[in-house]
Structures are given as structure tokens and as C-alpha cells.
């Protein structure tokens, strides 16, 4: 590991600790009514910005009344019929072929 990497890691860690301490101080202190109001206003603004951003990403949906149309159910495919058992003649042929193997 190079000395520059160690210094960068130390700086990043120091910044993270400072940020953690700042958050801890805020959580431990009592906010005044003015501070709380300012925080709520900032939160509302951030939510508005996010909502605007999401609206830009979504396609527009029709805002008028859609015409009434009859709902058409898709046609059901006919059920497959179970395979019928082989006829007696086919069964007998199968039995004979098992009992009398062909000579090569």
C-alpha cells in the first residue's frame, strides 16, 4: 500500500468521524421551533424536487374520460383430450414383439 493511499484513507476516516459527530450532536440537542420549521420546509422542498424529477421520467397518462367499451373476454382454448388407450390389436402386436424378438 502506498503512503498516498494511507493518507487518503486517514482523511476519509476523519471526515466520516466529523460527520458522525455532527449528526450525533444534532440528534442529542433539542431543536427550537424555528429550527424544526426550517427543517420541515427544507424537507418539503426536497420532496417537491423529487416529485418533479419523477414526473419527468414517467410517461403522461390520458387525463380525459375514456370511452365506454364492452369488455371482451379472451376465447378459451379447448382442453386437450386425454390420449386414448391403444386398441386391443395394437396391444396384442406389442405383446407379440416383446415375446418374439427379431433375429438379426
N, C-alpha and C. Protein backbone atom coordinates (compact mmCIF):
# COMPACT_ATOMS: atom_id res chain seq x y z
N UNK A 1 0.86 -1.18 0.00
CA UNK A 1 0.00 0.00 0.00
C UNK A 1 0.90 1.24 0.00
N UNK A 2 0.53 2.18 -0.82
CA UNK A 2 1.34 3.41 -0.93
C UNK A 2 0.96 4.38 0.19
N UNK A 3 1.89 5.28 0.48
CA UNK A 3 1.67 6.28 1.54
C UNK A 3 0.50 7.20 1.20
N UNK A 4 0.30 7.48 -0.11
CA UNK A 4 -0.80 8.35 -0.53
C UNK A 4 -2.15 7.68 -0.24
N UNK A 5 -2.21 6.37 -0.44
CA UNK A 5 -3.45 5.64 -0.15
C UNK A 5 -3.78 5.68 1.33
N UNK A 6 -2.75 5.55 2.17
CA UNK A 6 -2.95 5.58 3.62
C UNK A 6 -3.42 6.97 4.05
N UNK A 7 -2.80 8.00 3.49
CA UNK A 7 -3.20 9.38 3.84
C UNK A 7 -4.65 9.66 3.40
N UNK A 8 -4.99 9.19 2.20
CA UNK A 8 -6.36 9.39 1.72
C UNK A 8 -7.36 8.66 2.62
N UNK A 9 -7.03 7.45 3.01
CA UNK A 9 -7.90 6.67 3.89
C UNK A 9 -8.03 7.36 5.25
N UNK A 10 -6.95 7.91 5.76
CA UNK A 10 -6.99 8.63 7.04
C UNK A 10 -7.87 9.87 6.93
N UNK A 11 -7.74 10.60 5.83
CA UNK A 11 -8.56 11.80 5.62
C UNK A 11 -10.04 11.44 5.51
N UNK A 12 -10.34 10.38 4.74
CA UNK A 12 -11.73 9.94 4.59
C UNK A 12 -12.32 9.53 5.93
N UNK A 13 -11.53 8.84 6.72
CA UNK A 13 -12.00 8.40 8.04
C UNK A 13 -12.25 9.60 8.95
N UNK A 14 -11.36 10.57 8.91
CA UNK A 14 -11.53 11.77 9.74
C UNK A 14 -12.80 12.53 9.33
N UNK A 15 -13.05 12.63 8.03
CA UNK A 15 -14.28 13.29 7.56
C UNK A 15 -15.52 12.53 8.00
N UNK A 16 -15.48 11.22 7.93
CA UNK A 16 -16.62 10.41 8.33
C UNK A 16 -16.88 10.56 9.83
N UNK A 17 -15.82 10.60 10.62
CA UNK A 17 -15.98 10.78 12.07
C UNK A 17 -16.57 12.15 12.38
N UNK A 18 -16.09 13.18 11.69
CA UNK A 18 -16.61 14.52 11.91
C UNK A 18 -18.10 14.59 11.56
N UNK A 19 -18.47 13.95 10.46
CA UNK A 19 -19.89 13.93 10.04
C UNK A 19 -20.72 13.18 11.06
N UNK A 20 -20.21 12.06 11.54
CA UNK A 20 -20.93 11.27 12.54
C UNK A 20 -21.11 12.07 13.83
N UNK A 21 -20.09 12.79 14.22
CA UNK A 21 -20.20 13.63 15.43
C UNK A 21 -21.23 14.74 15.24
N UNK A 22 -21.25 15.34 14.07
CA UNK A 22 -22.22 16.40 13.79
C UNK A 22 -23.65 15.87 13.86
N UNK A 23 -23.87 14.70 13.26
CA UNK A 23 -25.20 14.09 13.31
C UNK A 23 -25.58 13.74 14.74
N UNK A 24 -24.64 13.19 15.48
CA UNK A 24 -24.91 12.84 16.88
C UNK A 24 -25.27 14.06 17.70
N UNK A 25 -24.56 15.16 17.48
CA UNK A 25 -24.85 16.40 18.21
C UNK A 25 -26.26 16.90 17.89
N UNK A 26 -26.63 16.83 16.63
CA UNK A 26 -27.96 17.28 16.22
C UNK A 26 -29.03 16.41 16.86
N UNK A 27 -28.80 15.10 16.87
CA UNK A 27 -29.79 14.20 17.44
C UNK A 27 -29.92 14.36 18.95
N UNK A 28 -28.84 14.72 19.61
CA UNK A 28 -28.87 14.86 21.06
C UNK A 28 -29.43 16.21 21.50
N UNK A 29 -29.30 17.20 20.67
CA UNK A 29 -29.75 18.53 21.07
C UNK A 29 -31.24 18.68 20.80
N UNK A 30 -31.84 19.60 21.52
CA UNK A 30 -33.25 19.92 21.30
C UNK A 30 -33.33 21.03 20.27
N UNK A 31 -34.14 20.79 19.25
CA UNK A 31 -34.29 21.81 18.22
C UNK A 31 -35.35 22.81 18.68
N UNK A 32 -35.11 24.04 18.33
CA UNK A 32 -36.11 25.06 18.63
C UNK A 32 -37.24 24.91 17.62
N UNK A 33 -38.32 25.57 17.88
CA UNK A 33 -39.46 25.53 16.97
C UNK A 33 -39.06 26.10 15.61
N UNK A 34 -38.23 27.12 15.61
CA UNK A 34 -37.77 27.73 14.35
C UNK A 34 -36.91 26.74 13.57
N UNK A 35 -36.00 26.04 14.28
CA UNK A 35 -35.15 25.05 13.61
C UNK A 35 -35.99 23.93 13.00
N UNK A 36 -36.96 23.48 13.77
CA UNK A 36 -37.81 22.39 13.29
C UNK A 36 -38.61 22.83 12.07
N UNK A 37 -39.11 24.07 12.11
CA UNK A 37 -39.87 24.60 10.97
C UNK A 37 -38.97 24.71 9.74
N UNK A 38 -37.74 25.16 9.92
CA UNK A 38 -36.80 25.28 8.80
C UNK A 38 -36.48 23.91 8.21
N UNK A 39 -36.32 22.92 9.08
CA UNK A 39 -36.03 21.57 8.62
C UNK A 39 -37.23 21.01 7.83
N UNK A 40 -38.43 21.22 8.33
CA UNK A 40 -39.62 20.74 7.63
C UNK A 40 -39.79 21.42 6.28
N UNK A 41 -39.51 22.72 6.20
CA UNK A 41 -39.59 23.42 4.92
C UNK A 41 -38.58 22.87 3.93
N UNK A 42 -37.37 22.60 4.42
CA UNK A 42 -36.34 22.04 3.55
C UNK A 42 -36.76 20.64 3.07
N UNK A 43 -37.34 19.86 3.95
CA UNK A 43 -37.81 18.53 3.58
C UNK A 43 -38.91 18.63 2.52
N UNK A 44 -39.85 19.55 2.69
CA UNK A 44 -40.91 19.73 1.69
C UNK A 44 -40.34 20.11 0.34
N UNK A 45 -39.35 20.99 0.34
CA UNK A 45 -38.72 21.41 -0.91
C UNK A 45 -38.02 20.22 -1.59
N UNK A 46 -37.32 19.42 -0.81
CA UNK A 46 -36.66 18.24 -1.37
C UNK A 46 -37.68 17.26 -1.93
N UNK A 47 -38.79 17.08 -1.23
CA UNK A 47 -39.84 16.18 -1.72
C UNK A 47 -40.45 16.71 -3.01
N UNK A 48 -40.65 18.03 -3.10
CA UNK A 48 -41.18 18.64 -4.33
C UNK A 48 -40.22 18.41 -5.50
N UNK A 49 -38.93 18.62 -5.24
CA UNK A 49 -37.94 18.42 -6.30
C UNK A 49 -37.93 16.97 -6.78
N UNK A 50 -38.01 16.05 -5.84
CA UNK A 50 -38.01 14.64 -6.20
C UNK A 50 -39.27 14.28 -6.98
N UNK A 51 -40.41 14.81 -6.56
CA UNK A 51 -41.66 14.54 -7.26
C UNK A 51 -41.60 15.11 -8.68
N UNK A 52 -41.04 16.30 -8.85
CA UNK A 52 -40.89 16.88 -10.19
C UNK A 52 -39.98 16.02 -11.05
N UNK A 53 -38.90 15.54 -10.47
CA UNK A 53 -37.96 14.70 -11.21
C UNK A 53 -38.65 13.41 -11.65
N UNK A 54 -39.44 12.82 -10.76
CA UNK A 54 -40.13 11.58 -11.10
C UNK A 54 -41.18 11.80 -12.18
N UNK A 55 -41.85 12.94 -12.15
CA UNK A 55 -42.86 13.24 -13.18
C UNK A 55 -42.22 13.35 -14.55
N UNK A 56 -41.00 13.86 -14.61
CA UNK A 56 -40.31 13.98 -15.89
C UNK A 56 -39.96 12.61 -16.44
N UNK A 57 -39.70 11.66 -15.57
CA UNK A 57 -39.29 10.33 -16.01
C UNK A 57 -40.47 9.45 -16.43
N UNK A 58 -41.67 9.79 -16.00
CA UNK A 58 -42.82 8.95 -16.28
C UNK A 58 -43.55 9.42 -17.53
N UNK A 59 -44.13 8.50 -18.30
CA UNK A 59 -44.92 8.92 -19.45
C UNK A 59 -46.23 9.55 -18.99
N UNK A 60 -46.78 10.38 -19.81
CA UNK A 60 -48.05 11.04 -19.48
C UNK A 60 -49.20 10.07 -19.72
N UNK A 61 -50.12 10.05 -18.79
CA UNK A 61 -51.32 9.22 -18.92
C UNK A 61 -52.45 10.11 -19.41
N UNK A 62 -53.43 9.54 -20.12
CA UNK A 62 -54.56 10.37 -20.56
C UNK A 62 -55.31 10.91 -19.36
N UNK A 63 -55.73 12.16 -19.45
CA UNK A 63 -56.43 12.75 -18.30
C UNK A 63 -57.92 12.93 -18.58
N UNK A 64 -58.38 12.53 -19.75
CA UNK A 64 -59.80 12.63 -20.07
C UNK A 64 -60.53 11.34 -19.73
N UNK A 65 -61.81 11.36 -19.94
CA UNK A 65 -62.62 10.18 -19.68
C UNK A 65 -62.47 9.24 -20.86
N UNK A 66 -62.22 8.00 -20.58
CA UNK A 66 -62.08 7.01 -21.64
C UNK A 66 -63.46 6.57 -22.11
N UNK A 67 -63.62 6.26 -23.39
CA UNK A 67 -64.94 5.83 -23.88
C UNK A 67 -65.31 4.47 -23.28
N UNK A 68 -66.62 4.30 -23.10
CA UNK A 68 -67.12 3.03 -22.58
C UNK A 68 -67.05 1.99 -23.69
N UNK A 69 -66.46 0.88 -23.41
CA UNK A 69 -66.38 -0.20 -24.37
C UNK A 69 -66.72 -1.49 -23.65
N UNK A 70 -67.28 -2.38 -24.41
CA UNK A 70 -67.62 -3.68 -23.85
C UNK A 70 -66.33 -4.46 -23.62
N UNK A 71 -66.23 -5.07 -22.47
CA UNK A 71 -65.05 -5.86 -22.17
C UNK A 71 -65.21 -7.22 -22.83
N UNK A 72 -64.24 -7.56 -23.65
CA UNK A 72 -64.29 -8.82 -24.38
C UNK A 72 -63.34 -9.79 -23.70
N UNK A 73 -63.91 -10.90 -23.26
CA UNK A 73 -63.10 -11.93 -22.63
C UNK A 73 -62.34 -12.69 -23.72
N UNK A 74 -61.08 -13.02 -23.48
CA UNK A 74 -60.35 -13.80 -24.48
C UNK A 74 -60.96 -15.20 -24.58
N UNK A 75 -60.93 -15.72 -25.81
CA UNK A 75 -61.51 -17.05 -26.02
C UNK A 75 -60.66 -18.08 -25.31
N UNK A 76 -61.35 -19.04 -24.71
CA UNK A 76 -60.64 -20.11 -24.03
C UNK A 76 -60.23 -21.15 -25.06
N UNK A 77 -59.01 -21.65 -24.90
CA UNK A 77 -58.55 -22.69 -25.80
C UNK A 77 -59.21 -23.99 -25.39
N UNK A 78 -59.58 -24.81 -26.35
CA UNK A 78 -60.23 -26.09 -25.99
C UNK A 78 -59.25 -26.95 -25.20
N UNK A 79 -59.81 -27.64 -24.21
CA UNK A 79 -58.98 -28.51 -23.40
C UNK A 79 -58.54 -29.70 -24.22
N UNK A 80 -57.31 -30.13 -23.95
CA UNK A 80 -56.80 -31.28 -24.68
C UNK A 80 -57.48 -32.53 -24.15
N UNK A 81 -57.84 -33.39 -25.08
CA UNK A 81 -58.47 -34.63 -24.68
C UNK A 81 -57.38 -35.62 -24.27
N UNK A 82 -57.65 -36.42 -23.25
CA UNK A 82 -56.63 -37.39 -22.84
C UNK A 82 -56.43 -38.42 -23.95
N UNK A 83 -55.21 -38.91 -24.02
CA UNK A 83 -54.91 -39.89 -25.06
C UNK A 83 -55.69 -41.16 -24.77
N UNK A 84 -56.22 -41.70 -25.84
CA UNK A 84 -56.97 -42.94 -25.69
C UNK A 84 -56.01 -44.10 -25.59
N UNK A 85 -56.45 -45.13 -24.92
CA UNK A 85 -55.61 -46.31 -24.81
C UNK A 85 -55.52 -46.98 -26.17
N UNK A 86 -54.39 -47.61 -26.44
CA UNK A 86 -54.25 -48.27 -27.74
C UNK A 86 -55.30 -49.36 -27.89
N UNK A 87 -55.68 -49.56 -29.10
CA UNK A 87 -56.68 -50.57 -29.40
C UNK A 87 -56.14 -51.94 -29.03
N UNK A 88 -57.03 -52.89 -28.85
CA UNK A 88 -56.64 -54.25 -28.48
C UNK A 88 -55.65 -54.83 -29.47
N UNK A 89 -55.86 -54.51 -30.75
CA UNK A 89 -54.98 -55.07 -31.78
C UNK A 89 -53.55 -54.57 -31.59
N UNK A 90 -53.39 -53.26 -31.28
CA UNK A 90 -52.06 -52.69 -31.05
C UNK A 90 -51.43 -53.30 -29.81
N UNK A 91 -52.22 -53.54 -28.76
CA UNK A 91 -51.70 -54.15 -27.55
C UNK A 91 -51.17 -55.55 -27.86
N UNK A 92 -51.93 -56.31 -28.63
CA UNK A 92 -51.53 -57.67 -28.97
C UNK A 92 -50.24 -57.66 -29.77
N UNK A 93 -50.09 -56.72 -30.71
CA UNK A 93 -48.88 -56.61 -31.52
C UNK A 93 -47.69 -56.30 -30.62
N UNK A 94 -47.88 -55.42 -29.68
CA UNK A 94 -46.81 -55.05 -28.76
C UNK A 94 -46.39 -56.27 -27.92
N UNK A 95 -47.37 -57.04 -27.43
CA UNK A 95 -47.08 -58.23 -26.63
C UNK A 95 -46.29 -59.24 -27.44
N UNK A 96 -46.69 -59.45 -28.69
CA UNK A 96 -46.01 -60.42 -29.54
C UNK A 96 -44.57 -60.01 -29.81
N UNK A 97 -44.35 -58.69 -30.03
CA UNK A 97 -43.00 -58.23 -30.34
C UNK A 97 -42.08 -58.37 -29.13
N UNK A 98 -42.62 -58.28 -27.93
CA UNK A 98 -41.80 -58.47 -26.73
C UNK A 98 -41.44 -59.93 -26.55
N UNK A 99 -42.38 -60.79 -26.85
CA UNK A 99 -42.15 -62.22 -26.64
C UNK A 99 -41.30 -62.87 -27.73
N UNK A 100 -41.35 -62.30 -28.92
CA UNK A 100 -40.60 -62.87 -30.04
C UNK A 100 -39.66 -61.81 -30.61
N UNK A 101 -38.50 -61.63 -30.01
CA UNK A 101 -37.58 -60.61 -30.56
C UNK A 101 -37.14 -60.98 -31.96
N UNK A 102 -36.89 -59.96 -32.74
CA UNK A 102 -36.47 -60.18 -34.12
C UNK A 102 -35.05 -60.71 -34.13
N UNK A 103 -34.78 -61.59 -35.03
CA UNK A 103 -33.43 -62.12 -35.16
C UNK A 103 -32.66 -61.24 -36.12
N UNK A 104 -31.42 -60.99 -35.79
CA UNK A 104 -30.60 -60.16 -36.64
C UNK A 104 -29.73 -60.98 -37.53
